[in-house]
Amino acid sequence: MSMIQALGNVSKVRGALIFVEDPEAELAFYRDVIGLRLLYRTRTFLRFDATQGTSLSLISGGTASDEPKDYRKGGVVPELIVDNLTLAIRRLDAAGVRHEAVVRTEYGSFCFLWDPEGNPLQFYESAFTRPEADPERLPA
């Protein structure tokens, strides 16, 4: 099978971009509560190191909400891998961050949370189950 070269090929997903109302106000949440390292900053744009060559960026142009934005009605939810979900939840609770209850599956545990402007995120801790073992896995 040949690939269409005129459009270029996707070589990597670099990261995610979240539109926020006030990137500067969101800085403390993503740096101090979530624990991401700030790479680059202007008044309207922040780029954080999301490890292994990926980034999570915030850019002005979004709308803040006092209520959590409903991730189930479309959009993208950045998934942040954590090595200890229990400790990550304790950090969220200590900072007063809104989050749902932890969901535990045989493949891992996760929890949805929201930044101060109501943007959804997900913390995920893998159970290190090999995807090939999933009886519901479909061929690629």
C-alpha atoms as a PDB file:
ATOM      1  CA  MET A   1       0.000   0.000   0.000  1.00  0.00           C
ATOM      2  CA  SER A   2       1.438   3.380  -0.934  1.00  0.00           C
ATOM      3  CA  MET A   3       1.084   6.492   1.176  1.00  0.00           C
ATOM      4  CA  ILE A   4       0.121   9.894  -0.146  1.00  0.00           C
ATOM      5  CA  GLN A   5       3.301  11.927   0.254  1.00  0.00           C
ATOM      6  CA  ALA A   6       1.870  15.266  -0.918  1.00  0.00           C
ATOM      7  CA  LEU A   7       0.175  15.855   2.439  1.00  0.00           C
ATOM      8  CA  GLY A   8       3.147  14.785   4.545  1.00  0.00           C
ATOM      9  CA  ASN A   9       3.202  12.081   7.174  1.00  0.00           C
ATOM     10  CA  VAL A  10       2.484  12.407  10.859  1.00  0.00           C
ATOM     11  CA  SER A  11       5.692  11.471  12.661  1.00  0.00           C
ATOM     12  CA  LYS A  12       4.678  12.272  16.233  1.00  0.00           C
ATOM     13  CA  VAL A  13       1.964  13.828  18.362  1.00  0.00           C
ATOM     14  CA  ARG A  14       3.890  16.591  20.119  1.00  0.00           C
ATOM     15  CA  GLY A  15       1.384  17.253  22.867  1.00  0.00           C
ATOM     16  CA  ALA A  16      -1.839  19.065  23.648  1.00  0.00           C
ATOM     17  CA  LEU A  17      -2.930  22.690  23.526  1.00  0.00           C
ATOM     18  CA  ILE A  18      -5.537  24.001  25.984  1.00  0.00           C
ATOM     19  CA  PHE A  19      -7.224  27.332  25.306  1.00  0.00           C
ATOM     20  CA  VAL A  20      -7.561  29.276  28.554  1.00  0.00           C
ATOM     21  CA  GLU A  21      -8.758  32.731  29.473  1.00  0.00           C
ATOM     22  CA  ASP A  22      -5.700  33.672  31.541  1.00  0.00           C
ATOM     23  CA  PRO A  23      -2.546  31.586  30.958  1.00  0.00           C
ATOM     24  CA  GLU A  24      -0.612  33.541  33.578  1.00  0.00           C
ATOM     25  CA  ALA A  25      -3.189  32.710  36.263  1.00  0.00           C
ATOM     26  CA  GLU A  26      -3.105  29.028  35.253  1.00  0.00           C
ATOM     27  CA  LEU A  27       0.693  28.866  35.644  1.00  0.00           C
ATOM     28  CA  ALA A  28       0.680  28.019  39.367  1.00  0.00           C
ATOM     29  CA  PHE A  29      -1.839  25.187  38.903  1.00  0.00           C
ATOM     30  CA  TYR A  30       0.032  23.372  36.138  1.00  0.00           C
ATOM     31  CA  ARG A  31       3.488  24.010  37.621  1.00  0.00           C
ATOM     32  CA  ASP A  32       2.876  23.736  41.374  1.00  0.00           C
ATOM     33  CA  VAL A  33      -0.170  21.463  41.707  1.00  0.00           C
ATOM     34  CA  ILE A  34       0.157  19.186  38.670  1.00  0.00           C
ATOM     35  CA  GLY A  35       3.959  19.309  38.779  1.00  0.00           C
ATOM     36  CA  LEU A  36       4.840  20.071  35.161  1.00  0.00           C
ATOM     37  CA  ARG A  37       8.103  21.868  34.388  1.00  0.00           C
ATOM     38  CA  LEU A  38       7.688  25.189  32.574  1.00  0.00           C
ATOM     39  CA  LEU A  39       9.682  25.307  29.318  1.00  0.00           C
ATOM     40  CA  TYR A  40       8.622  28.583  27.720  1.00  0.00           C
ATOM     41  CA  ARG A  41       6.436  31.516  28.612  1.00  0.00           C
ATOM     42  CA  THR A  42       4.930  34.712  27.214  1.00  0.00           C
ATOM     43  CA  ARG A  43       1.955  36.691  28.543  1.00  0.00           C
ATOM     44  CA  THR A  44      -0.407  34.698  26.306  1.00  0.00           C
ATOM     45  CA  PHE A  45       1.309  31.296  25.990  1.00  0.00           C
ATOM     46  CA  LEU A  46       2.859  28.687  28.303  1.00  0.00           C
ATOM     47  CA  ARG A  47       4.567  25.439  27.273  1.00  0.00           C
ATOM     48  CA  PHE A  48       5.193  22.735  29.874  1.00  0.00           C
ATOM     49  CA  ASP A  49       7.404  19.654  29.584  1.00  0.00           C
ATOM     50  CA  ALA A  50       5.128  16.615  29.598  1.00  0.00           C
ATOM     51  CA  THR A  51       8.193  14.293  29.436  1.00  0.00           C
ATOM     52  CA  GLN A  52       9.545  12.069  26.694  1.00  0.00           C
ATOM     53  CA  GLY A  53       9.462  14.843  24.101  1.00  0.00           C
ATOM     54  CA  THR A  54       5.829  15.856  24.530  1.00  0.00           C
ATOM     55  CA  SER A  55       4.418  19.101  25.829  1.00  0.00           C
ATOM     56  CA  LEU A  56       1.244  20.547  27.268  1.00  0.00           C
ATOM     57  CA  SER A  57       0.613  24.137  26.244  1.00  0.00           C
ATOM     58  CA  LEU A  58      -1.803  26.806  27.398  1.00  0.00           C
ATOM     59  CA  ILE A  59      -2.745  29.667  25.094  1.00  0.00           C
ATOM     60  CA  SER A  60      -5.065  32.616  25.593  1.00  0.00           C
ATOM     61  CA  GLY A  61      -8.367  32.654  23.739  1.00  0.00           C
ATOM     62  CA  GLY A  62     -10.434  30.286  25.879  1.00  0.00           C
ATOM     63  CA  THR A  63     -13.229  31.028  28.311  1.00  0.00           C
ATOM     64  CA  ALA A  64     -12.968  30.300  32.023  1.00  0.00           C
ATOM     65  CA  SER A  65     -15.870  28.612  33.787  1.00  0.00           C
ATOM     66  CA  ASP A  66     -16.728  28.427  37.477  1.00  0.00           C
ATOM     67  CA  GLU A  67     -18.233  25.003  36.781  1.00  0.00           C
ATOM     68  CA  PRO A  68     -16.269  22.053  35.377  1.00  0.00           C
ATOM     69  CA  LYS A  69     -16.551  21.840  31.590  1.00  0.00           C
ATOM     70  CA  ASP A  70     -18.240  18.596  30.542  1.00  0.00           C
ATOM     71  CA  TYR A  71     -15.607  16.456  28.809  1.00  0.00           C
ATOM     72  CA  ARG A  72     -18.285  13.959  27.751  1.00  0.00           C
ATOM     73  CA  LYS A  73     -19.780  16.442  25.265  1.00  0.00           C
ATOM     74  CA  GLY A  74     -16.800  16.494  22.922  1.00  0.00           C
ATOM     75  CA  GLY A  75     -13.354  17.931  22.889  1.00  0.00           C
ATOM     76  CA  VAL A  76     -10.040  16.489  23.988  1.00  0.00           C
ATOM     77  CA  VAL A  77      -8.951  15.547  27.499  1.00  0.00           C
ATOM     78  CA  PRO A  78      -5.180  15.542  28.084  1.00  0.00           C
ATOM     79  CA  GLU A  79      -4.188  12.318  29.853  1.00  0.00           C
ATOM     80  CA  LEU A  80      -1.361  12.737  32.346  1.00  0.00           C
ATOM     81  CA  ILE A  81       0.392   9.531  33.374  1.00  0.00           C
ATOM     82  CA  VAL A  82       1.251   9.375  37.082  1.00  0.00           C
ATOM     83  CA  ASP A  83       3.306   6.735  38.856  1.00  0.00           C
ATOM     84  CA  ASN A  84       1.177   6.835  42.018  1.00  0.00           C
ATOM     85  CA  LEU A  85      -2.441   7.912  41.618  1.00  0.00           C
ATOM     86  CA  THR A  86      -3.115   7.810  45.369  1.00  0.00           C
ATOM     87  CA  LEU A  87      -0.377  10.364  46.040  1.00  0.00           C
ATOM     88  CA  ALA A  88      -1.475  12.468  43.060  1.00  0.00           C
ATOM     89  CA  ILE A  89      -5.041  12.586  44.432  1.00  0.00           C
ATOM     90  CA  ARG A  90      -3.729  13.613  47.848  1.00  0.00           C
ATOM     91  CA  ARG A  91      -1.897  16.500  46.167  1.00  0.00           C
ATOM     92  CA  LEU A  92      -5.116  17.519  44.371  1.00  0.00           C
ATOM     93  CA  ASP A  93      -7.127  17.329  47.609  1.00  0.00           C
ATOM     94  CA  ALA A  94      -4.549  19.414  49.495  1.00  0.00           C
ATOM     95  CA  ALA A  95      -4.813  22.086  46.795  1.00  0.00           C
ATOM     96  CA  GLY A  96      -8.635  21.974  46.734  1.00  0.00           C
ATOM     97  CA  VAL A  97      -8.774  20.752  43.118  1.00  0.00           C
ATOM     98  CA  ARG A  98     -12.101  19.434  41.797  1.00  0.00           C
ATOM     99  CA  HIS A  99     -11.952  15.801  40.698  1.00  0.00           C
ATOM    100  CA  GLU A 100     -14.151  12.759  40.237  1.00  0.00           C
ATOM    101  CA  ALA A 101     -13.771   9.521  42.152  1.00  0.00           C
ATOM    102  CA  VAL A 102     -10.991   7.195  41.077  1.00  0.00           C
ATOM    103  CA  VAL A 103     -12.062   4.443  38.678  1.00  0.00           C
ATOM    104  CA  ARG A 104     -10.089   1.208  38.993  1.00  0.00           C
ATOM    105  CA  THR A 105      -9.902  -1.329  36.153  1.00  0.00           C
ATOM    106  CA  GLU A 106      -7.680  -4.331  35.486  1.00  0.00           C
ATOM    107  CA  TYR A 107      -5.650  -2.132  33.107  1.00  0.00           C
ATOM    108  CA  GLY A 108      -5.123   0.789  35.440  1.00  0.00           C
ATOM    109  CA  SER A 109      -6.774   3.496  37.507  1.00  0.00           C
ATOM    110  CA  PHE A 110      -7.812   6.973  36.477  1.00  0.00           C
ATOM    111  CA  CYS A 111      -9.585  10.071  37.639  1.00  0.00           C
ATOM    112  CA  PHE A 112     -10.879  13.149  35.833  1.00  0.00           C
ATOM    113  CA  LEU A 113     -10.013  16.554  37.289  1.00  0.00           C
ATOM    114  CA  TRP A 114     -10.385  20.203  36.317  1.00  0.00           C
ATOM    115  CA  ASP A 115      -8.000  23.123  36.248  1.00  0.00           C
ATOM    116  CA  PRO A 116      -9.069  26.451  37.838  1.00  0.00           C
ATOM    117  CA  GLU A 117     -10.791  27.530  34.584  1.00  0.00           C
ATOM    118  CA  GLY A 118     -12.837  24.319  34.393  1.00  0.00           C
ATOM    119  CA  ASN A 119     -10.738  22.568  31.700  1.00  0.00           C
ATOM    120  CA  PRO A 120     -10.765  18.762  32.066  1.00  0.00           C
ATOM    121  CA  LEU A 121      -7.662  16.612  32.558  1.00  0.00           C
ATOM    122  CA  GLN A 122      -7.200  12.963  33.434  1.00  0.00           C
ATOM    123  CA  PHE A 123      -4.636  11.359  35.740  1.00  0.00           C
ATOM    124  CA  TYR A 124      -3.912   7.741  34.777  1.00  0.00           C
ATOM    125  CA  GLU A 125      -1.851   5.087  36.553  1.00  0.00           C
ATOM    126  CA  SER A 126      -1.193   1.974  34.468  1.00  0.00           C
ATOM    127  CA  ALA A 127      -1.554  -1.519  35.905  1.00  0.00           C
ATOM    128  CA  PHE A 128       1.077  -2.559  33.321  1.00  0.00           C
ATOM    129  CA  THR A 129      -1.248  -5.060  31.661  1.00  0.00           C
ATOM    130  CA  ARG A 130      -0.109  -5.895  28.154  1.00  0.00           C
ATOM    131  CA  PRO A 131      -2.671  -4.657  25.562  1.00  0.00           C
ATOM    132  CA  GLU A 132      -2.438  -8.013  23.723  1.00  0.00           C
ATOM    133  CA  ALA A 133      -4.093  -9.615  26.755  1.00  0.00           C
ATOM    134  CA  ASP A 134      -7.251  -7.526  26.289  1.00  0.00           C
ATOM    135  CA  PRO A 135     -10.043  -9.864  25.073  1.00  0.00           C
ATOM    136  CA  GLU A 136     -11.900  -6.836  23.631  1.00  0.00           C
ATOM    137  CA  ARG A 137      -8.924  -5.639  21.565  1.00  0.00           C
ATOM    138  CA  LEU A 138      -9.692  -5.264  17.856  1.00  0.00           C
ATOM    139  CA  PRO A 139      -7.141  -5.613  15.058  1.00  0.00           C
ATOM    140  CA  ALA A 140      -5.450  -2.345  14.049  1.00  0.00           C
END
